[in-house]
């Protein structure tokens, strides 16, 4: 562990927490990642662009959004620190993105490219397990969110967000939180007052 650069300790521990892996393999993987910083409002990915960032968010808050058919901005996900951030379809299929990924606050983290990720997949079997675990985690989260829009009330969805990811409520704009929850700004304001 002493050979891991101090600033990469969080990434090292994140990898160890996802899959059983040797310290040596974890260190080799961590050494491949390069530091990346985004200022508030910067884009990790923009619509119609290609993605080459498999990004570990060490600190900060990011969101994914797109526009509906009426031109309304819809936030589809938030990413809090200690998570992998990327657009799965765009990154793995090598196609242009349909979404935007933007820093809500100043953010720091570490990235690898598509080519580096594939090299790790081939050379480090444990990293394949790590990548699979990340995809499963994201799939489950997406499924839960889609289900909650259908079978939970706005108050329940807000309560879940308050309980599981309060950082979002602290730093994100209300209109972004409202669109993520599938409610209007005024409904969100009422819920906030009611639950304070």
N, C-alpha and C. Protein backbone atom coordinates (compact mmCIF):
# COMPACT_ATOMS: atom_id res chain seq x y z
N UNK A 1 0.83 -1.21 0.00
CA UNK A 1 0.00 0.00 0.00
C UNK A 1 0.87 1.25 0.00
N UNK A 2 2.06 1.18 0.59
CA UNK A 2 2.92 2.35 0.68
C UNK A 2 3.36 2.85 -0.69
N UNK A 3 3.36 1.93 -1.70
CA UNK A 3 3.79 2.34 -3.04
C UNK A 3 2.67 3.03 -3.84
N UNK A 4 1.44 3.05 -3.30
CA UNK A 4 0.34 3.77 -3.95
C UNK A 4 0.49 5.25 -3.61
N UNK A 5 0.47 6.08 -4.62
CA UNK A 5 0.53 7.52 -4.35
C UNK A 5 -0.65 7.91 -3.49
N UNK A 6 -0.37 8.75 -2.50
CA UNK A 6 -1.38 9.10 -1.50
C UNK A 6 -2.68 9.59 -2.14
N UNK A 7 -2.56 10.39 -3.20
CA UNK A 7 -3.76 10.96 -3.80
C UNK A 7 -4.62 9.90 -4.52
N UNK A 8 -4.07 8.71 -4.74
CA UNK A 8 -4.85 7.65 -5.39
C UNK A 8 -5.37 6.62 -4.39
N UNK A 9 -5.20 6.85 -3.11
CA UNK A 9 -5.65 5.89 -2.10
C UNK A 9 -7.15 5.60 -2.20
N UNK A 10 -7.92 6.65 -2.47
CA UNK A 10 -9.38 6.49 -2.51
C UNK A 10 -9.78 5.58 -3.67
N UNK A 11 -9.16 5.76 -4.82
CA UNK A 11 -9.41 4.91 -5.98
C UNK A 11 -8.98 3.47 -5.68
N UNK A 12 -7.82 3.32 -5.08
CA UNK A 12 -7.30 2.00 -4.69
C UNK A 12 -8.30 1.28 -3.80
N UNK A 13 -8.79 1.96 -2.76
CA UNK A 13 -9.74 1.36 -1.82
C UNK A 13 -11.09 1.09 -2.48
N UNK A 14 -11.48 1.96 -3.43
CA UNK A 14 -12.73 1.75 -4.16
C UNK A 14 -12.68 0.44 -4.94
N UNK A 15 -11.58 0.22 -5.64
CA UNK A 15 -11.43 -1.01 -6.43
C UNK A 15 -11.45 -2.23 -5.52
N UNK A 16 -10.72 -2.16 -4.41
CA UNK A 16 -10.68 -3.28 -3.46
C UNK A 16 -12.07 -3.56 -2.87
N UNK A 17 -12.89 -2.52 -2.75
CA UNK A 17 -14.22 -2.68 -2.19
C UNK A 17 -15.24 -3.26 -3.15
N UNK A 18 -14.92 -3.27 -4.44
CA UNK A 18 -15.87 -3.76 -5.44
C UNK A 18 -15.69 -5.26 -5.70
N UNK A 19 -14.43 -5.70 -5.83
CA UNK A 19 -14.17 -7.11 -6.11
C UNK A 19 -12.97 -7.60 -5.31
N UNK A 20 -12.93 -8.89 -5.02
CA UNK A 20 -11.73 -9.46 -4.39
C UNK A 20 -10.57 -9.38 -5.38
N UNK A 21 -9.51 -8.76 -4.98
CA UNK A 21 -8.39 -8.53 -5.90
C UNK A 21 -7.12 -8.35 -5.06
N UNK A 22 -6.01 -8.77 -5.59
CA UNK A 22 -4.76 -8.62 -4.85
C UNK A 22 -4.34 -7.15 -4.83
N UNK A 23 -3.58 -6.78 -3.82
CA UNK A 23 -3.07 -5.40 -3.74
C UNK A 23 -2.22 -5.07 -4.95
N UNK A 24 -1.45 -6.05 -5.44
CA UNK A 24 -0.59 -5.81 -6.60
C UNK A 24 -1.43 -5.50 -7.84
N UNK A 25 -2.48 -6.32 -8.08
CA UNK A 25 -3.34 -6.07 -9.24
C UNK A 25 -4.06 -4.72 -9.10
N UNK A 26 -4.53 -4.42 -7.88
CA UNK A 26 -5.20 -3.13 -7.66
C UNK A 26 -4.25 -1.98 -7.93
N UNK A 27 -3.01 -2.12 -7.49
CA UNK A 27 -2.02 -1.06 -7.72
C UNK A 27 -1.74 -0.89 -9.22
N UNK A 28 -1.58 -2.01 -9.94
CA UNK A 28 -1.34 -1.95 -11.38
C UNK A 28 -2.49 -1.24 -12.10
N UNK A 29 -3.71 -1.53 -11.67
CA UNK A 29 -4.88 -0.89 -12.28
C UNK A 29 -4.88 0.60 -11.96
N UNK A 30 -4.69 0.94 -10.70
CA UNK A 30 -4.69 2.34 -10.28
C UNK A 30 -3.62 3.15 -11.00
N UNK A 31 -2.47 2.54 -11.22
CA UNK A 31 -1.36 3.23 -11.90
C UNK A 31 -1.71 3.61 -13.33
N UNK A 32 -2.69 2.92 -13.93
CA UNK A 32 -3.10 3.22 -15.30
C UNK A 32 -3.95 4.49 -15.37
N UNK A 33 -4.66 4.81 -14.29
CA UNK A 33 -5.56 5.96 -14.27
C UNK A 33 -4.78 7.27 -14.17
N UNK A 34 -5.26 8.29 -14.90
CA UNK A 34 -4.65 9.62 -14.86
C UNK A 34 -5.61 10.63 -14.22
N UNK A 35 -5.03 11.56 -13.51
CA UNK A 35 -5.81 12.60 -12.82
C UNK A 35 -6.57 13.45 -13.83
N UNK A 36 -7.81 13.81 -13.46
CA UNK A 36 -8.61 14.72 -14.30
C UNK A 36 -9.42 15.61 -13.38
N UNK A 37 -9.49 16.87 -13.74
CA UNK A 37 -10.22 17.86 -12.94
C UNK A 37 -11.24 18.55 -13.82
N UNK A 38 -12.44 18.76 -13.27
CA UNK A 38 -13.47 19.52 -13.97
C UNK A 38 -13.98 20.62 -13.06
N UNK A 39 -14.14 21.80 -13.60
CA UNK A 39 -14.73 22.90 -12.85
C UNK A 39 -16.25 22.82 -12.96
N UNK A 40 -16.92 23.44 -12.02
CA UNK A 40 -18.38 23.48 -12.04
C UNK A 40 -18.87 23.94 -13.41
N UNK A 41 -19.76 23.18 -14.01
CA UNK A 41 -20.29 23.52 -15.34
C UNK A 41 -19.56 22.87 -16.49
N UNK A 42 -18.34 22.35 -16.25
CA UNK A 42 -17.60 21.66 -17.31
C UNK A 42 -18.30 20.36 -17.68
N UNK A 43 -18.08 19.93 -18.92
CA UNK A 43 -18.67 18.69 -19.40
C UNK A 43 -17.62 17.58 -19.44
N UNK A 44 -17.98 16.44 -18.89
CA UNK A 44 -17.18 15.24 -19.10
C UNK A 44 -17.51 14.67 -20.48
N UNK A 45 -18.78 14.86 -20.89
CA UNK A 45 -19.24 14.37 -22.19
C UNK A 45 -20.39 15.24 -22.66
N UNK A 46 -20.40 15.56 -23.95
CA UNK A 46 -21.50 16.33 -24.53
C UNK A 46 -22.20 15.52 -25.61
N UNK A 47 -23.48 15.81 -25.77
CA UNK A 47 -24.29 15.14 -26.79
C UNK A 47 -23.61 15.27 -28.16
N UNK A 48 -23.70 14.20 -28.93
CA UNK A 48 -23.14 14.10 -30.28
C UNK A 48 -21.62 13.98 -30.31
N UNK A 49 -21.00 13.84 -29.15
CA UNK A 49 -19.56 13.63 -29.09
C UNK A 49 -19.29 12.16 -28.75
N UNK A 50 -18.08 11.73 -29.01
CA UNK A 50 -17.65 10.39 -28.63
C UNK A 50 -17.02 10.46 -27.24
N UNK A 51 -17.12 9.36 -26.51
CA UNK A 51 -16.57 9.32 -25.16
C UNK A 51 -15.30 8.48 -25.12
N UNK A 52 -14.29 9.01 -24.47
CA UNK A 52 -13.08 8.23 -24.24
C UNK A 52 -12.67 8.33 -22.77
N UNK A 53 -13.64 8.62 -21.91
CA UNK A 53 -13.37 8.76 -20.47
C UNK A 53 -14.15 7.75 -19.65
N UNK A 54 -13.45 6.81 -19.06
CA UNK A 54 -14.00 5.93 -18.02
C UNK A 54 -13.50 6.56 -16.74
N UNK A 55 -14.38 7.27 -16.05
CA UNK A 55 -13.98 8.25 -15.04
C UNK A 55 -14.38 7.82 -13.63
N UNK A 56 -13.40 7.78 -12.75
CA UNK A 56 -13.68 7.57 -11.32
C UNK A 56 -13.81 8.93 -10.66
N UNK A 57 -14.98 9.22 -10.12
CA UNK A 57 -15.25 10.50 -9.46
C UNK A 57 -14.81 10.41 -8.00
N UNK A 58 -13.72 11.07 -7.69
CA UNK A 58 -13.17 11.04 -6.33
C UNK A 58 -13.89 12.04 -5.43
N UNK A 59 -14.09 13.25 -5.94
CA UNK A 59 -14.76 14.30 -5.18
C UNK A 59 -15.66 15.11 -6.10
N UNK A 60 -16.82 15.48 -5.59
CA UNK A 60 -17.72 16.34 -6.36
C UNK A 60 -19.03 15.65 -6.69
N UNK A 61 -19.82 16.34 -7.50
CA UNK A 61 -21.14 15.87 -7.93
C UNK A 61 -21.30 16.13 -9.42
N UNK A 62 -21.78 15.13 -10.15
CA UNK A 62 -22.01 15.26 -11.59
C UNK A 62 -23.43 14.81 -11.91
N UNK A 63 -23.90 15.21 -13.08
CA UNK A 63 -25.23 14.78 -13.51
C UNK A 63 -25.22 14.44 -14.99
N UNK A 64 -26.16 13.57 -15.36
CA UNK A 64 -26.41 13.24 -16.76
C UNK A 64 -27.74 13.87 -17.14
N UNK A 65 -27.79 14.52 -18.29
CA UNK A 65 -29.06 15.09 -18.74
C UNK A 65 -29.17 15.05 -20.25
N UNK A 66 -30.41 15.17 -20.70
CA UNK A 66 -30.72 15.27 -22.13
C UNK A 66 -31.93 16.15 -22.29
N UNK A 67 -32.39 16.33 -23.52
CA UNK A 67 -33.54 17.18 -23.79
C UNK A 67 -34.68 16.33 -24.35
N UNK A 68 -35.89 16.59 -23.84
CA UNK A 68 -37.05 15.85 -24.36
C UNK A 68 -37.49 16.46 -25.70
N UNK A 69 -38.57 15.93 -26.26
CA UNK A 69 -39.02 16.37 -27.57
C UNK A 69 -39.49 17.81 -27.60
N UNK A 70 -39.83 18.36 -26.42
CA UNK A 70 -40.26 19.75 -26.33
C UNK A 70 -39.09 20.69 -26.00
N UNK A 71 -37.90 20.14 -25.90
CA UNK A 71 -36.73 20.96 -25.60
C UNK A 71 -36.47 21.18 -24.13
N UNK A 72 -37.22 20.47 -23.28
CA UNK A 72 -37.00 20.60 -21.84
C UNK A 72 -35.80 19.77 -21.41
N UNK A 73 -34.99 20.35 -20.55
CA UNK A 73 -33.82 19.65 -20.03
C UNK A 73 -34.24 18.67 -18.94
N UNK A 74 -33.89 17.40 -19.10
CA UNK A 74 -34.27 16.35 -18.15
C UNK A 74 -33.02 15.72 -17.57
N UNK A 75 -32.87 15.81 -16.26
CA UNK A 75 -31.75 15.16 -15.58
C UNK A 75 -32.12 13.69 -15.37
N UNK A 76 -31.28 12.80 -15.89
CA UNK A 76 -31.58 11.37 -15.81
C UNK A 76 -30.79 10.66 -14.72
N UNK A 77 -29.71 11.27 -14.25
CA UNK A 77 -28.94 10.64 -13.18
C UNK A 77 -28.01 11.65 -12.53
N UNK A 78 -27.66 11.35 -11.30
CA UNK A 78 -26.64 12.08 -10.57
C UNK A 78 -25.56 11.10 -10.15
N UNK A 79 -24.34 11.58 -10.09
CA UNK A 79 -23.22 10.76 -9.61
C UNK A 79 -22.56 11.47 -8.45
N UNK A 80 -22.54 10.79 -7.30
CA UNK A 80 -21.84 11.33 -6.14
C UNK A 80 -20.44 10.73 -6.11
N UNK A 81 -19.60 11.27 -5.25
CA UNK A 81 -18.21 10.82 -5.19
C UNK A 81 -18.11 9.32 -4.90
N UNK A 82 -16.97 8.77 -5.28
CA UNK A 82 -16.67 7.35 -5.11
C UNK A 82 -17.55 6.50 -6.02
N UNK A 83 -17.66 6.94 -7.27
CA UNK A 83 -18.43 6.21 -8.29
C UNK A 83 -17.74 6.31 -9.64
N UNK A 84 -18.03 5.34 -10.50
CA UNK A 84 -17.57 5.40 -11.88
C UNK A 84 -18.61 6.16 -12.69
N UNK A 85 -18.14 7.10 -13.51
CA UNK A 85 -19.03 7.95 -14.32
C UNK A 85 -18.67 7.78 -15.79
N UNK A 86 -19.63 7.33 -16.58
CA UNK A 86 -19.44 7.27 -18.04
C UNK A 86 -20.77 6.90 -18.67
N UNK A 87 -20.90 7.14 -19.97
CA UNK A 87 -22.10 6.74 -20.70
C UNK A 87 -21.82 5.38 -21.33
N UNK A 88 -22.47 4.36 -20.81
CA UNK A 88 -22.18 2.98 -21.20
C UNK A 88 -22.30 2.77 -22.71
N UNK A 89 -23.41 3.20 -23.29
CA UNK A 89 -23.67 2.96 -24.71
C UNK A 89 -22.62 3.65 -25.58
N UNK A 90 -22.39 4.90 -25.31
CA UNK A 90 -21.44 5.70 -26.09
C UNK A 90 -20.03 5.13 -25.97
N UNK A 91 -19.63 4.82 -24.74
CA UNK A 91 -18.25 4.39 -24.47
C UNK A 91 -17.96 3.02 -25.10
N UNK A 92 -18.82 2.05 -24.85
CA UNK A 92 -18.53 0.70 -25.31
C UNK A 92 -18.89 0.46 -26.78
N UNK A 93 -19.92 1.11 -27.27
CA UNK A 93 -20.31 0.92 -28.68
C UNK A 93 -19.58 1.86 -29.62
N UNK A 94 -18.81 2.80 -29.06
CA UNK A 94 -18.05 3.77 -29.86
C UNK A 94 -18.96 4.55 -30.79
N UNK A 95 -20.07 5.03 -30.24
CA UNK A 95 -21.02 5.85 -30.99
C UNK A 95 -21.14 7.22 -30.32
N UNK A 96 -21.73 8.16 -31.02
CA UNK A 96 -21.93 9.49 -30.45
C UNK A 96 -22.93 9.43 -29.30
N UNK A 97 -22.69 10.26 -28.32
CA UNK A 97 -23.53 10.25 -27.12
C UNK A 97 -24.88 10.92 -27.38
N UNK A 98 -25.90 10.39 -26.73
CA UNK A 98 -27.22 11.01 -26.76
C UNK A 98 -27.45 11.86 -25.51
N UNK A 99 -26.50 11.83 -24.58
CA UNK A 99 -26.65 12.55 -23.32
C UNK A 99 -25.45 13.47 -23.06
N UNK A 100 -25.63 14.32 -22.06
CA UNK A 100 -24.55 15.17 -21.56
C UNK A 100 -24.21 14.74 -20.14
N UNK A 101 -22.93 14.77 -19.81
CA UNK A 101 -22.52 14.54 -18.43
C UNK A 101 -21.75 15.78 -17.99
N UNK A 102 -22.25 16.44 -16.94
CA UNK A 102 -21.74 17.75 -16.54
C UNK A 102 -21.41 17.78 -15.05
N UNK A 103 -20.37 18.54 -14.72
CA UNK A 103 -20.00 18.74 -13.32
C UNK A 103 -20.97 19.72 -12.67
N UNK A 104 -21.62 19.31 -11.60
CA UNK A 104 -22.53 20.18 -10.84
C UNK A 104 -21.71 21.05 -9.88
N UNK A 105 -20.61 20.48 -9.39
CA UNK A 105 -19.67 21.20 -8.53
C UNK A 105 -18.28 21.02 -9.15
N UNK A 106 -17.27 21.65 -8.60
CA UNK A 106 -15.90 21.33 -8.98
C UNK A 106 -15.69 19.84 -8.69
N UNK A 107 -15.06 19.14 -9.61
CA UNK A 107 -14.87 17.69 -9.46
C UNK A 107 -13.42 17.29 -9.72
N UNK A 108 -12.98 16.28 -9.01
CA UNK A 108 -11.68 15.68 -9.29
C UNK A 108 -11.86 14.18 -9.36
N UNK A 109 -10.99 13.54 -10.13
CA UNK A 109 -11.04 12.10 -10.24
C UNK A 109 -9.93 11.59 -11.13
N UNK A 110 -10.11 10.37 -11.62
CA UNK A 110 -9.11 9.71 -12.43
C UNK A 110 -9.77 9.00 -13.60
N UNK A 111 -9.13 9.02 -14.74
CA UNK A 111 -9.71 8.47 -15.96
C UNK A 111 -8.77 7.49 -16.63
N UNK A 112 -9.38 6.59 -17.39
CA UNK A 112 -8.65 5.80 -18.36
C UNK A 112 -9.43 5.86 -19.67
N UNK A 113 -8.73 5.60 -20.75
CA UNK A 113 -9.35 5.62 -22.08
C UNK A 113 -9.96 4.26 -22.39
N UNK A 114 -10.70 4.21 -23.47
CA UNK A 114 -11.28 2.96 -23.96
C UNK A 114 -10.18 1.94 -24.23
N UNK A 115 -9.10 2.39 -24.87
CA UNK A 115 -7.99 1.49 -25.19
C UNK A 115 -7.32 0.97 -23.90
N UNK A 116 -7.10 1.85 -22.94
CA UNK A 116 -6.50 1.43 -21.67
C UNK A 116 -7.40 0.45 -20.92
N UNK A 117 -8.71 0.72 -20.95
CA UNK A 117 -9.66 -0.17 -20.29
C UNK A 117 -9.61 -1.57 -20.91
N UNK A 118 -9.56 -1.63 -22.23
CA UNK A 118 -9.51 -2.94 -22.90
C UNK A 118 -8.20 -3.66 -22.63
N UNK A 119 -7.12 -2.92 -22.53
CA UNK A 119 -5.84 -3.54 -22.18
C UNK A 119 -5.91 -4.16 -20.79
N UNK A 120 -6.53 -3.41 -19.85
CA UNK A 120 -6.70 -3.95 -18.49
C UNK A 120 -7.62 -5.17 -18.49
N UNK A 121 -8.68 -5.12 -19.28
CA UNK A 121 -9.59 -6.27 -19.38
C UNK A 121 -8.83 -7.53 -19.82
N UNK A 122 -7.91 -7.36 -20.79
CA UNK A 122 -7.18 -8.50 -21.32
C UNK A 122 -6.07 -8.97 -20.39
N UNK A 123 -5.44 -8.03 -19.71
CA UNK A 123 -4.26 -8.36 -18.89
C UNK A 123 -4.56 -8.65 -17.42
N UNK A 124 -5.69 -8.17 -16.93
CA UNK A 124 -6.04 -8.32 -15.52
C UNK A 124 -7.44 -8.92 -15.38
N UNK A 125 -7.54 -10.24 -15.24
CA UNK A 125 -8.87 -10.86 -15.09
C UNK A 125 -9.70 -10.23 -13.98
N UNK A 126 -9.04 -9.80 -12.91
CA UNK A 126 -9.78 -9.18 -11.79
C UNK A 126 -10.45 -7.89 -12.25
N UNK A 127 -9.85 -7.20 -13.22
CA UNK A 127 -10.46 -5.96 -13.70
C UNK A 127 -11.71 -6.25 -14.52
N UNK A 128 -11.75 -7.40 -15.20
CA UNK A 128 -12.98 -7.79 -15.89
C UNK A 128 -14.11 -7.95 -14.88
N UNK A 129 -13.79 -8.57 -13.75
CA UNK A 129 -14.79 -8.75 -12.68
C UNK A 129 -15.23 -7.39 -12.13
N UNK A 130 -14.27 -6.49 -11.99
CA UNK A 130 -14.56 -5.14 -11.52
C UNK A 130 -15.51 -4.45 -12.50
N UNK A 131 -15.17 -4.48 -13.78
CA UNK A 131 -16.00 -3.83 -14.80
C UNK A 131 -17.40 -4.41 -14.85
N UNK A 132 -17.50 -5.73 -14.72
CA UNK A 132 -18.81 -6.38 -14.72
C UNK A 132 -19.62 -5.93 -13.51
N UNK A 133 -18.97 -5.86 -12.35
CA UNK A 133 -19.66 -5.45 -11.13
C UNK A 133 -20.18 -4.02 -11.24
N UNK A 134 -19.40 -3.14 -11.87
CA UNK A 134 -19.83 -1.75 -12.06
C UNK A 134 -21.06 -1.69 -12.97
N UNK A 135 -21.03 -2.46 -14.06
CA UNK A 135 -22.16 -2.48 -14.99
C UNK A 135 -23.42 -3.02 -14.33
N UNK A 136 -23.28 -4.08 -13.54
CA UNK A 136 -24.43 -4.65 -12.83
C UNK A 136 -24.99 -3.63 -11.85
N UNK A 137 -24.11 -2.97 -11.13
CA UNK A 137 -24.54 -1.95 -10.16
C UNK A 137 -25.33 -0.84 -10.86
N UNK A 138 -24.84 -0.37 -11.99
CA UNK A 138 -25.52 0.69 -12.74
C UNK A 138 -26.85 0.21 -13.31
N UNK A 139 -26.88 -1.03 -13.78
CA UNK A 139 -28.12 -1.58 -14.32
C UNK A 139 -29.19 -1.65 -13.24
N UNK A 140 -28.81 -2.13 -12.06
CA UNK A 140 -29.76 -2.25 -10.96
C UNK A 140 -30.27 -0.88 -10.55
N UNK A 141 -29.37 0.11 -10.45
CA UNK A 141 -29.77 1.47 -10.06
C UNK A 141 -30.74 2.05 -11.09
N UNK A 142 -30.45 1.83 -12.37
CA UNK A 142 -31.32 2.34 -13.43
C UNK A 142 -32.69 1.67 -13.38
N UNK A 143 -32.71 0.37 -13.14
CA UNK A 143 -33.96 -0.38 -13.05
C UNK A 143 -34.80 0.12 -11.87
N UNK A 144 -34.14 0.33 -10.73
CA UNK A 144 -34.85 0.81 -9.54
C UNK A 144 -35.45 2.19 -9.79
N UNK A 145 -34.69 3.05 -10.44
CA UNK A 145 -35.19 4.39 -10.72
C UNK A 145 -36.39 4.35 -11.66
N UNK A 146 -36.29 3.54 -12.71
CA UNK A 146 -37.41 3.42 -13.65
C UNK A 146 -38.66 2.88 -12.98
N UNK A 147 -38.48 1.92 -12.10
CA UNK A 147 -39.60 1.34 -11.37
C UNK A 147 -40.21 2.35 -10.41
N UNK A 148 -39.35 3.11 -9.73
CA UNK A 148 -39.85 4.06 -8.72
C UNK A 148 -40.69 5.17 -9.35
N UNK A 149 -40.39 5.54 -10.59
CA UNK A 149 -41.18 6.56 -11.29
C UNK A 149 -42.62 6.05 -11.47
N UNK A 150 -42.76 4.74 -11.59
CA UNK A 150 -44.08 4.13 -11.83
C UNK A 150 -44.82 3.81 -10.54
N UNK A 151 -44.11 3.22 -9.57
CA UNK A 151 -44.83 2.68 -8.41
C UNK A 151 -44.58 3.39 -7.08
N UNK A 152 -43.94 4.56 -7.13
CA UNK A 152 -43.75 5.33 -5.90
C UNK A 152 -44.29 6.74 -6.09
N UNK A 153 -44.77 7.31 -5.00
CA UNK A 153 -45.27 8.68 -5.07
C UNK A 153 -44.09 9.64 -5.14
N UNK A 154 -44.37 10.88 -5.51
CA UNK A 154 -43.33 11.90 -5.55
C UNK A 154 -42.69 12.06 -4.17
N UNK A 155 -43.51 11.99 -3.14
CA UNK A 155 -42.99 12.13 -1.77
C UNK A 155 -42.05 10.98 -1.41
N UNK A 156 -42.40 9.78 -1.84
CA UNK A 156 -41.54 8.62 -1.58
C UNK A 156 -40.22 8.73 -2.34
N UNK A 157 -40.29 9.18 -3.59
CA UNK A 157 -39.07 9.33 -4.38
C UNK A 157 -38.16 10.39 -3.77
N UNK A 158 -38.75 11.49 -3.33
CA UNK A 158 -37.97 12.54 -2.68
C UNK A 158 -37.36 12.02 -1.37
N UNK A 159 -38.14 11.28 -0.60
CA UNK A 159 -37.65 10.72 0.66
C UNK A 159 -36.49 9.76 0.44
N UNK A 160 -36.58 8.94 -0.61
CA UNK A 160 -35.48 8.02 -0.96
C UNK A 160 -34.20 8.79 -1.27
N UNK A 161 -34.35 9.86 -2.05
CA UNK A 161 -33.18 10.67 -2.42
C UNK A 161 -32.58 11.34 -1.18
N UNK A 162 -33.43 11.85 -0.33
CA UNK A 162 -32.99 12.49 0.90
C UNK A 162 -32.22 11.51 1.79
N UNK A 163 -32.67 10.27 1.80
CA UNK A 163 -32.05 9.26 2.66
C UNK A 163 -30.77 8.69 2.08
N UNK A 164 -30.76 8.46 0.78
CA UNK A 164 -29.63 7.75 0.17
C UNK A 164 -28.55 8.66 -0.41
N UNK A 165 -28.94 9.84 -0.91
CA UNK A 165 -27.94 10.71 -1.54
C UNK A 165 -28.22 12.19 -1.21
N UNK A 166 -28.12 12.55 0.06
CA UNK A 166 -28.43 13.93 0.47
C UNK A 166 -27.52 14.98 -0.17
N UNK A 167 -26.34 14.56 -0.65
CA UNK A 167 -25.41 15.50 -1.30
C UNK A 167 -26.07 16.17 -2.50
N UNK A 168 -26.92 15.41 -3.18
CA UNK A 168 -27.59 15.94 -4.37
C UNK A 168 -28.48 17.12 -3.98
N UNK A 169 -29.23 16.96 -2.90
CA UNK A 169 -30.14 18.01 -2.45
C UNK A 169 -29.37 19.24 -1.97
N UNK A 170 -28.15 19.02 -1.54
CA UNK A 170 -27.34 20.13 -1.02
C UNK A 170 -26.73 20.97 -2.15
N UNK A 171 -26.34 20.32 -3.24
CA UNK A 171 -25.56 21.03 -4.26
C UNK A 171 -26.26 21.23 -5.61
N UNK A 172 -27.21 20.38 -5.96
CA UNK A 172 -27.83 20.48 -7.28
C UNK A 172 -28.93 21.53 -7.30
N UNK A 173 -29.17 22.10 -8.47
CA UNK A 173 -30.26 23.07 -8.63
C UNK A 173 -31.60 22.35 -8.49
N UNK A 174 -32.57 23.07 -7.92
CA UNK A 174 -33.89 22.47 -7.69
C UNK A 174 -34.53 21.98 -8.98
N UNK A 175 -34.37 22.71 -10.06
CA UNK A 175 -35.01 22.30 -11.33
C UNK A 175 -34.41 20.99 -11.83
N UNK A 176 -33.11 20.76 -11.55
CA UNK A 176 -32.48 19.51 -11.96
C UNK A 176 -32.97 18.35 -11.10
N UNK A 177 -33.11 18.60 -9.81
CA UNK A 177 -33.62 17.57 -8.90
C UNK A 177 -35.07 17.22 -9.26
N UNK A 178 -35.86 18.24 -9.54
CA UNK A 178 -37.27 18.03 -9.89
C UNK A 178 -37.40 17.18 -11.15
N UNK A 179 -36.63 17.50 -12.19
CA UNK A 179 -36.73 16.72 -13.43
C UNK A 179 -36.25 15.29 -13.21
N UNK A 180 -35.24 15.12 -12.37
CA UNK A 180 -34.75 13.77 -12.05
C UNK A 180 -35.83 12.95 -11.34
N UNK A 181 -36.58 13.60 -10.46
CA UNK A 181 -37.65 12.91 -9.72
C UNK A 181 -38.94 12.77 -10.53
N UNK A 182 -38.99 13.42 -11.68
CA UNK A 182 -40.18 13.35 -12.52
C UNK A 182 -41.33 14.19 -12.00
N UNK A 183 -41.00 15.32 -11.35
CA UNK A 183 -42.02 16.20 -10.79
C UNK A 183 -41.73 17.65 -11.21
N UNK A 184 -42.67 18.54 -10.92
CA UNK A 184 -42.47 19.96 -11.24
C UNK A 184 -41.68 20.63 -10.13
N UNK A 185 -41.14 21.80 -10.44
CA UNK A 185 -40.39 22.58 -9.46
C UNK A 185 -41.27 22.92 -8.25
N UNK A 186 -42.54 23.27 -8.54
CA UNK A 186 -43.44 23.67 -7.45
C UNK A 186 -43.77 22.49 -6.54
N UNK A 187 -43.91 21.30 -7.12
CA UNK A 187 -44.15 20.10 -6.31
C UNK A 187 -42.95 19.82 -5.41
N UNK A 188 -41.77 19.98 -5.97
CA UNK A 188 -40.55 19.77 -5.17
C UNK A 188 -40.48 20.77 -4.03
N UNK A 189 -40.81 22.02 -4.29
CA UNK A 189 -40.80 23.04 -3.24
C UNK A 189 -41.76 22.68 -2.12
N UNK A 190 -42.95 22.19 -2.49
CA UNK A 190 -43.93 21.78 -1.48
C UNK A 190 -43.41 20.61 -0.65
N UNK A 191 -42.80 19.65 -1.31
CA UNK A 191 -42.27 18.48 -0.61
C UNK A 191 -41.17 18.87 0.37
N UNK A 192 -40.32 19.78 -0.08
CA UNK A 192 -39.22 20.23 0.80
C UNK A 192 -39.75 20.91 2.05
N UNK A 193 -40.74 21.76 1.88
CA UNK A 193 -41.34 22.44 3.03
C UNK A 193 -42.01 21.45 3.97
N UNK A 194 -42.70 20.49 3.38
CA UNK A 194 -43.43 19.50 4.17
C UNK A 194 -42.49 18.62 4.99
N UNK A 195 -41.32 18.29 4.42
CA UNK A 195 -40.43 17.33 5.08
C UNK A 195 -39.33 17.99 5.92
N UNK A 196 -39.32 19.32 5.96
CA UNK A 196 -38.31 20.01 6.78
C UNK A 196 -38.73 20.03 8.23
